[in-house]
Structures are given as C-alpha cells and as structure tokens.
C-alpha cells in the first residue's frame, strides 16, 4: 500500500495578507521540493472533498460552525477580508480552503481505514490545531486533526486513537476539544513560554504535554518522547494515529526558538511509524500545521513523508 498525498488547490488561494507568515508559498515550497526530490512520484495523489457541517460539528459546536460558515460565505460573496483575531483573517477564498483542508483529513481517514492506502499526509492550509471548539485563532479556523479523529471514532467505530502534536506552539485548540475524552490520547511537545501560553497544566488525564525551554535541541526532544510519550502510547494502544505536523520547531524558523533539524523530524516520524505498526496496523493520518521558513519547511516535510512512505535509507 502507498502513502497518499492530499493537497487541494483551494488551499493555495486562502491569503491573509502581504507579509503574513501563514502564506500560500508554504504549499508551493513543499510541493516543489517533493517534485524535485522525486518523492512526488511515489505518493498517491488524492482529491479532497468539502467537509460538511455535521462532520465539523463532531469537534466544534454547531453554533460556531454556523457562524463561521456565514462569515466566510459573506467574505467570499463580497470579495473582502475580515479579521477574527489579530493574527487570523478570513479572505474571499478561506471558506473553500478551510472546508477542503478538513475534508482532506476526513478523506485520508476514510482511505486509510478502508485499507486503500497505508497512511497519508495532508499538505493543507489553513492549519487547525489552535482552533478551539468555539473559536478561530492562531491562523486556524477548523481543527482538521480533531475533526478527523472524532470521525474515526464516531463514524468508523474505532475505540482508541492517538493525536500527536509536534508543532513548536501548544495545540491549545486540540486540547480544548479532546480533553477528557478517554478514547483519545493526545501527546505533544511545544516551546514554553510561547504563544498561546498554555499547556503547562493539562486539562485532562488523557493529555501528555511536554513543555520545553527555548533552544531545546533534538537530543532532548527525543529523550522526552521516549520518556513521556512512548509509555503512554504503549498503554493506550491506539488503533490509529493522527499527527499535527508542525515544522516550526526547526532551528531556522523564526516563529519559535527551538533547535530541531530534518533528522529529528525523520526520527520522530520513524518512531511513530514503529508504534503504529505495532498497535494500529500502521494507520497514520498526518496534517500540516506550522512551519514558516520555506526551505526548512520543505526539507522537513520531505523527511517526514519519506519515513511515512518507508523510503528512508
């Protein structure tokens, strides 16, 4: 079975303004590098449907889904932009981009659980892990990974899943959605202190949060994963893994101050693949979150995808 790639064209059209770090060029950099390295040719390219309101409402409140749909629809119809917080703006193309980003995660979940592909990477934007049950923030509108995880549980009937978040920023939105849901084990590391200044005190017993100091490098991250994540994952025995794949903990990324490099992302992915092979029939759906230095982002995604596809040397 192959590794699937989901990257809908609509995700390149969402634009929060000149100079914004969460920009369309992020996807261009990733896809260009996958082509240049030959990885693109070994991935199975798949289409991304529009996520439906009832699917989004498994992670968000129905009220929030309706309000966001109305706001995004108005902006699309009028061809205008509207900020929802100081960092996050709805543009005329945000609605389709956000619905297809979540739709990619849902379609990837369906394909992996159907045995059509072994695992999947969703190169999508806007990202999702800061979107809470009731609010958009931090460049995020819908929580793609949380929507997909609940889809696996509530629609496909899985009993246990894991959410892994290795973005430099704490996935506060995902924590808000999954805290207290014993079916979901969420494991994360993140720089602290750093936006959104949360996560040091987990809000549920199903959360394994690992705050790390600025300038932490790969060796310490690997040690923390083995010490904190792995025992919890072995005990939970997830039937599927969902990954919030942020690459902004890279040492070249200026939105954080951590010291990871491509080899660290390869190691993290390889460790997750090993765990998924043991308990989850290898089932992994990974969704792009952060990563804003374009060269480092592209190289790190390639390292991640190479491990998912089993092509690492």
Protein backbone atom coordinates (compact mmCIF):
# COMPACT_ATOMS: atom_id res chain seq x y z
CA UNK A 1 0.00 0.00 0.00
CA UNK A 2 1.11 3.53 -0.75
CA UNK A 3 1.29 6.79 1.14
CA UNK A 4 -1.40 9.19 -0.02
CA UNK A 5 -0.90 12.92 -0.51
CA UNK A 6 -3.82 15.32 -0.17
CA UNK A 7 -3.18 18.93 -1.19
CA UNK A 8 -6.22 20.63 -2.72
CA UNK A 9 -5.61 23.61 -4.98
CA UNK A 10 -8.08 25.71 -2.97
CA UNK A 11 -5.67 25.66 -0.02
CA UNK A 12 -3.26 27.80 -2.06
CA UNK A 13 -5.86 30.54 -2.55
CA UNK A 14 -6.52 31.38 1.11
CA UNK A 15 -4.48 34.55 1.75
CA UNK A 16 -4.34 36.55 4.98
CA UNK A 17 -2.38 39.43 3.52
CA UNK A 18 1.02 40.52 2.36
CA UNK A 19 3.81 39.55 4.73
CA UNK A 20 1.71 37.09 6.74
CA UNK A 21 3.83 34.04 7.66
CA UNK A 22 0.96 31.59 7.03
CA UNK A 23 1.05 32.20 3.29
CA UNK A 24 0.30 30.27 0.07
CA UNK A 25 4.03 30.00 -0.67
CA UNK A 26 4.27 27.40 2.10
CA UNK A 27 2.46 24.82 0.00
CA UNK A 28 4.34 25.82 -3.14
CA UNK A 29 7.64 25.23 -1.34
CA UNK A 30 6.53 21.82 -0.08
CA UNK A 31 5.17 20.56 -3.38
CA UNK A 32 8.09 21.91 -5.42
CA UNK A 33 10.54 20.14 -3.11
CA UNK A 34 8.61 16.86 -3.25
CA UNK A 35 8.81 17.03 -7.05
CA UNK A 36 12.50 17.97 -7.03
CA UNK A 37 13.39 15.05 -4.76
CA UNK A 38 11.29 12.53 -6.67
CA UNK A 39 9.06 11.85 -3.67
CA UNK A 40 6.06 13.24 -5.51
CA UNK A 41 6.18 10.35 -7.98
CA UNK A 42 5.85 7.66 -5.29
CA UNK A 43 2.91 9.26 -3.48
CA UNK A 44 -0.70 8.53 -4.37
CA UNK A 45 -2.36 11.88 -5.11
CA UNK A 46 -5.96 12.03 -3.94
CA UNK A 47 -8.81 14.52 -4.12
CA UNK A 48 -10.16 16.38 -1.10
CA UNK A 49 -13.91 16.85 -0.67
CA UNK A 50 -15.56 19.71 1.18
CA UNK A 51 -16.09 18.91 4.86
CA UNK A 52 -19.77 19.04 5.78
CA UNK A 53 -21.23 20.92 8.78
CA UNK A 54 -22.18 17.73 10.62
CA UNK A 55 -18.60 16.46 10.26
CA UNK A 56 -17.13 19.71 11.62
CA UNK A 57 -19.64 19.63 14.48
CA UNK A 58 -18.02 16.50 15.89
CA UNK A 59 -15.17 18.75 17.04
CA UNK A 60 -16.77 22.21 17.08
CA UNK A 61 -20.09 23.45 18.38
CA UNK A 62 -22.91 23.64 15.85
CA UNK A 63 -23.24 27.33 16.68
CA UNK A 64 -19.59 28.00 15.83
CA UNK A 65 -19.79 26.02 12.59
CA UNK A 66 -22.86 28.00 11.52
CA UNK A 67 -21.33 31.36 12.45
CA UNK A 68 -18.07 30.62 10.65
CA UNK A 69 -19.94 29.38 7.58
CA UNK A 70 -21.94 32.60 7.47
CA UNK A 71 -18.88 34.84 7.94
CA UNK A 72 -16.79 33.01 5.37
CA UNK A 73 -19.69 32.99 2.94
CA UNK A 74 -20.16 36.75 3.25
CA UNK A 75 -16.46 37.37 2.62
CA UNK A 76 -16.49 35.08 -0.41
CA UNK A 77 -19.57 36.74 -1.89
CA UNK A 78 -18.35 40.29 -1.26
CA UNK A 79 -14.71 39.63 -2.16
CA UNK A 80 -13.49 41.17 1.07
CA UNK A 81 -11.45 40.23 4.13
CA UNK A 82 -12.36 40.32 7.81
CA UNK A 83 -10.11 39.63 10.80
CA UNK A 84 -11.30 37.26 13.51
CA UNK A 85 -8.31 37.89 15.78
CA UNK A 86 -5.08 39.93 15.44
CA UNK A 87 -3.34 37.07 13.56
CA UNK A 88 -6.21 35.42 11.71
CA UNK A 89 -8.18 36.81 8.78
CA UNK A 90 -10.98 35.45 6.62
CA UNK A 91 -10.36 36.16 2.94
CA UNK A 92 -12.61 35.55 -0.09
CA UNK A 93 -11.12 32.07 -0.60
CA UNK A 94 -10.91 31.00 3.05
CA UNK A 95 -14.20 29.10 3.08
CA UNK A 96 -13.30 26.60 0.39
CA UNK A 97 -9.71 26.28 1.63
CA UNK A 98 -10.78 25.57 5.21
CA UNK A 99 -13.50 23.11 4.17
CA UNK A 100 -11.14 21.26 1.84
CA UNK A 101 -8.38 21.18 4.47
CA UNK A 102 -10.73 19.47 6.91
CA UNK A 103 -12.13 17.42 4.04
CA UNK A 104 -8.64 16.18 3.21
CA UNK A 105 -8.17 14.91 6.77
CA UNK A 106 -11.56 13.18 6.62
CA UNK A 107 -10.92 11.61 3.22
CA UNK A 108 -7.48 10.45 4.35
CA UNK A 109 -9.05 8.82 7.39
CA UNK A 110 -11.57 7.01 5.23
CA UNK A 111 -8.89 5.82 2.79
CA UNK A 112 -6.54 4.56 5.49
CA UNK A 113 -9.30 2.74 7.37
CA UNK A 114 -10.57 1.20 4.14
CA UNK A 115 -7.08 -0.19 3.51
CA UNK A 116 -6.76 1.74 0.25
CA UNK A 117 -3.52 3.39 1.42
CA UNK A 118 -1.21 2.66 4.33
CA UNK A 119 -1.00 6.22 5.61
CA UNK A 120 -1.46 9.78 4.39
CA UNK A 121 -0.02 13.27 4.55
CA UNK A 122 -2.32 16.27 4.10
CA UNK A 123 -0.40 19.30 2.82
CA UNK A 124 -3.18 21.72 3.66
CA UNK A 125 -3.83 25.18 4.94
CA UNK A 126 -5.25 26.89 6.90
CA UNK A 127 -3.81 24.82 9.74
CA UNK A 128 -6.03 23.70 12.59
CA UNK A 129 -4.56 22.96 16.00
CA UNK A 130 -5.28 26.36 17.58
CA UNK A 131 -8.97 26.28 16.59
CA UNK A 132 -10.95 25.54 19.75
CA UNK A 133 -14.43 24.14 19.97
CA UNK A 134 -15.87 27.67 19.89
CA UNK A 135 -13.27 29.96 18.33
CA UNK A 136 -10.86 30.58 15.46
CA UNK A 137 -7.39 31.79 16.43
CA UNK A 138 -3.70 31.45 15.65
CA UNK A 139 -4.15 31.18 11.85
CA UNK A 140 -6.69 28.34 12.37
CA UNK A 141 -10.43 28.04 11.65
CA UNK A 142 -11.37 24.35 11.81
CA UNK A 143 -9.38 21.81 13.78
CA UNK A 144 -8.53 19.38 10.98
CA UNK A 145 -6.94 16.70 13.17
CA UNK A 146 -9.64 16.77 15.84
CA UNK A 147 -12.36 16.57 13.19
CA UNK A 148 -10.65 13.54 11.65
CA UNK A 149 -10.00 11.82 14.98
CA UNK A 150 -13.65 12.14 16.02
CA UNK A 151 -14.67 10.88 12.56
CA UNK A 152 -12.61 7.73 13.10
CA UNK A 153 -14.23 7.18 16.48
CA UNK A 154 -17.83 8.22 15.86
CA UNK A 155 -18.30 7.11 12.24
CA UNK A 156 -15.86 4.23 11.82
CA UNK A 157 -16.30 2.90 15.34
CA UNK A 158 -12.68 2.83 16.50
CA UNK A 159 -12.34 2.62 20.27
CA UNK A 160 -8.97 4.33 20.78
CA UNK A 161 -6.89 6.80 18.78
CA UNK A 162 -3.86 8.99 19.42
CA UNK A 163 -3.27 12.62 18.46
CA UNK A 164 0.41 13.57 18.21
CA UNK A 165 1.34 17.26 18.01
CA UNK A 166 4.96 18.29 17.42
CA UNK A 167 4.38 21.92 16.44
CA UNK A 168 6.51 24.49 18.30
CA UNK A 169 3.28 26.04 19.63
CA UNK A 170 0.98 24.25 22.05
CA UNK A 171 -2.07 22.81 20.31
CA UNK A 172 -4.49 24.53 22.65
CA UNK A 173 -7.44 24.11 20.32
CA UNK A 174 -7.00 20.37 20.05
CA UNK A 175 -6.59 20.11 23.82
CA UNK A 176 -9.79 22.12 24.30
CA UNK A 177 -11.67 19.69 22.06
CA UNK A 178 -10.29 16.34 23.22
CA UNK A 179 -9.58 16.90 26.94
CA UNK A 180 -11.50 14.35 28.97
CA UNK A 181 -12.30 12.09 26.00
CA UNK A 182 -10.74 8.84 27.20
CA UNK A 183 -10.85 7.42 23.67
CA UNK A 184 -8.22 9.96 22.56
CA UNK A 185 -4.69 10.14 23.92
CA UNK A 186 -3.04 13.44 22.97
CA UNK A 187 0.75 13.64 23.19
CA UNK A 188 2.54 16.88 22.43
CA UNK A 189 5.70 18.86 22.95
CA UNK A 190 5.98 22.60 22.49
CA UNK A 191 8.17 25.52 23.40
CA UNK A 192 7.27 27.29 26.63
CA UNK A 193 6.89 30.16 27.12
CA UNK A 194 5.48 30.88 23.65
CA UNK A 195 2.10 31.61 22.07
CA UNK A 196 -0.58 30.63 23.07
CA UNK A 197 0.98 30.48 26.56
CA UNK A 198 -0.88 27.34 27.59
CA UNK A 199 -0.35 23.65 28.10
CA UNK A 200 1.83 23.57 31.19
CA UNK A 201 -1.11 22.31 33.23
CA UNK A 202 -3.01 19.70 31.17
CA UNK A 203 -6.77 19.97 31.39
CA UNK A 204 -7.44 16.22 31.20
CA UNK A 205 -5.91 12.90 32.21
CA UNK A 206 -5.75 11.87 28.53
CA UNK A 207 -3.13 14.54 27.75
CA UNK A 208 0.64 14.12 27.80
CA UNK A 209 2.03 17.64 27.48
CA UNK A 210 5.78 18.20 27.35
CA UNK A 211 6.71 21.91 27.59
CA UNK A 212 10.30 22.53 26.51
CA UNK A 213 12.54 25.52 27.04
CA UNK A 214 13.67 27.75 24.18
CA UNK A 215 16.74 26.45 22.34
CA UNK A 216 15.98 22.82 23.18
CA UNK A 217 17.64 20.62 20.57
CA UNK A 218 16.81 17.30 19.04
CA UNK A 219 18.55 15.00 21.51
CA UNK A 220 16.50 16.38 24.40
CA UNK A 221 13.29 16.16 22.36
CA UNK A 222 13.97 12.52 21.50
CA UNK A 223 14.66 11.74 25.16
CA UNK A 224 11.41 13.44 26.21
CA UNK A 225 9.42 11.46 23.64
CA UNK A 226 10.86 8.16 24.84
CA UNK A 227 10.28 9.10 28.48
CA UNK A 228 6.85 10.76 28.28
CA UNK A 229 5.05 9.78 25.08
CA UNK A 230 6.05 6.19 24.42
CA UNK A 231 4.91 4.60 27.71
CA UNK A 232 1.55 6.37 27.45
CA UNK A 233 1.08 5.30 23.84
CA UNK A 234 2.05 1.71 24.62
CA UNK A 235 -0.52 1.66 27.42
CA UNK A 236 -3.28 3.27 25.32
CA UNK A 237 -2.64 1.07 22.26
CA UNK A 238 -4.26 3.43 19.74
CA UNK A 239 -5.94 1.88 16.72
CA UNK A 240 -4.99 4.90 14.60
CA UNK A 241 -2.61 7.85 14.84
CA UNK A 242 -3.40 11.44 13.87
CA UNK A 243 -0.46 13.83 13.62
CA UNK A 244 -0.48 17.61 13.87
CA UNK A 245 2.73 18.01 11.90
CA UNK A 246 4.17 21.43 12.61
CA UNK A 247 7.72 22.06 11.45
CA UNK A 248 8.30 25.42 13.15
CA UNK A 249 10.45 23.89 15.91
CA UNK A 250 13.18 23.81 13.23
CA UNK A 251 16.24 25.81 14.19
CA UNK A 252 15.85 28.04 11.11
CA UNK A 253 12.24 29.02 11.86
CA UNK A 254 11.92 32.45 13.42
CA UNK A 255 8.43 31.93 14.87
CA UNK A 256 9.99 29.74 17.55
CA UNK A 257 13.35 29.31 19.22
CA UNK A 258 13.83 25.55 19.26
CA UNK A 259 16.66 23.66 17.60
CA UNK A 260 15.27 20.73 15.61
CA UNK A 261 16.60 19.75 12.19
CA UNK A 262 15.32 17.46 9.44
CA UNK A 263 16.90 14.39 11.02
CA UNK A 264 14.87 14.98 14.16
CA UNK A 265 11.60 15.08 12.23
CA UNK A 266 12.64 11.88 10.45
CA UNK A 267 13.35 10.22 13.82
CA UNK A 268 10.02 11.34 15.32
CA UNK A 269 8.13 10.04 12.28
CA UNK A 270 10.04 6.76 12.25
CA UNK A 271 9.22 6.25 15.94
CA UNK A 272 5.53 6.93 15.30
CA UNK A 273 5.54 4.51 12.36
CA UNK A 274 7.06 1.83 14.60
CA UNK A 275 4.38 2.38 17.22
CA UNK A 276 1.58 2.46 14.65
CA UNK A 277 2.87 -0.75 13.09
CA UNK A 278 2.72 -2.44 16.48
CA UNK A 279 -0.79 -1.44 17.58
CA UNK A 280 -2.59 0.34 14.74
CA UNK A 281 -1.91 -1.67 11.58
CA UNK A 282 0.37 1.20 10.52
CA UNK A 283 -2.56 3.61 10.24
CA UNK A 284 -1.43 7.26 10.35
CA UNK A 285 -3.01 10.45 9.03
CA UNK A 286 -0.72 13.48 9.26
CA UNK A 287 -1.84 17.07 8.67
CA UNK A 288 0.37 20.10 8.16
CA UNK A 289 0.30 22.69 10.92
CA UNK A 290 3.11 25.25 11.27
CA UNK A 291 6.46 25.78 9.58
CA UNK A 292 7.26 29.20 8.14
CA UNK A 293 10.87 29.22 6.95
CA UNK A 294 10.18 27.89 3.49
CA UNK A 295 13.39 25.96 2.88
CA UNK A 296 13.39 24.32 6.30
CA UNK A 297 9.68 23.55 5.97
CA UNK A 298 10.08 21.86 2.59
CA UNK A 299 13.06 19.77 3.68
CA UNK A 300 11.39 18.76 6.95
CA UNK A 301 8.16 17.72 5.22
CA UNK A 302 10.21 15.63 2.80
CA UNK A 303 11.93 13.89 5.72
CA UNK A 304 8.53 13.25 7.32
CA UNK A 305 6.94 11.91 4.15
CA UNK A 306 9.96 9.76 3.31
CA UNK A 307 9.56 7.95 6.64
CA UNK A 308 5.79 7.59 6.19
CA UNK A 309 6.41 6.03 2.78
CA UNK A 310 9.11 3.71 4.11
CA UNK A 311 11.72 5.15 1.76
CA UNK A 312 14.33 6.28 4.27
CA UNK A 313 17.77 4.83 3.87
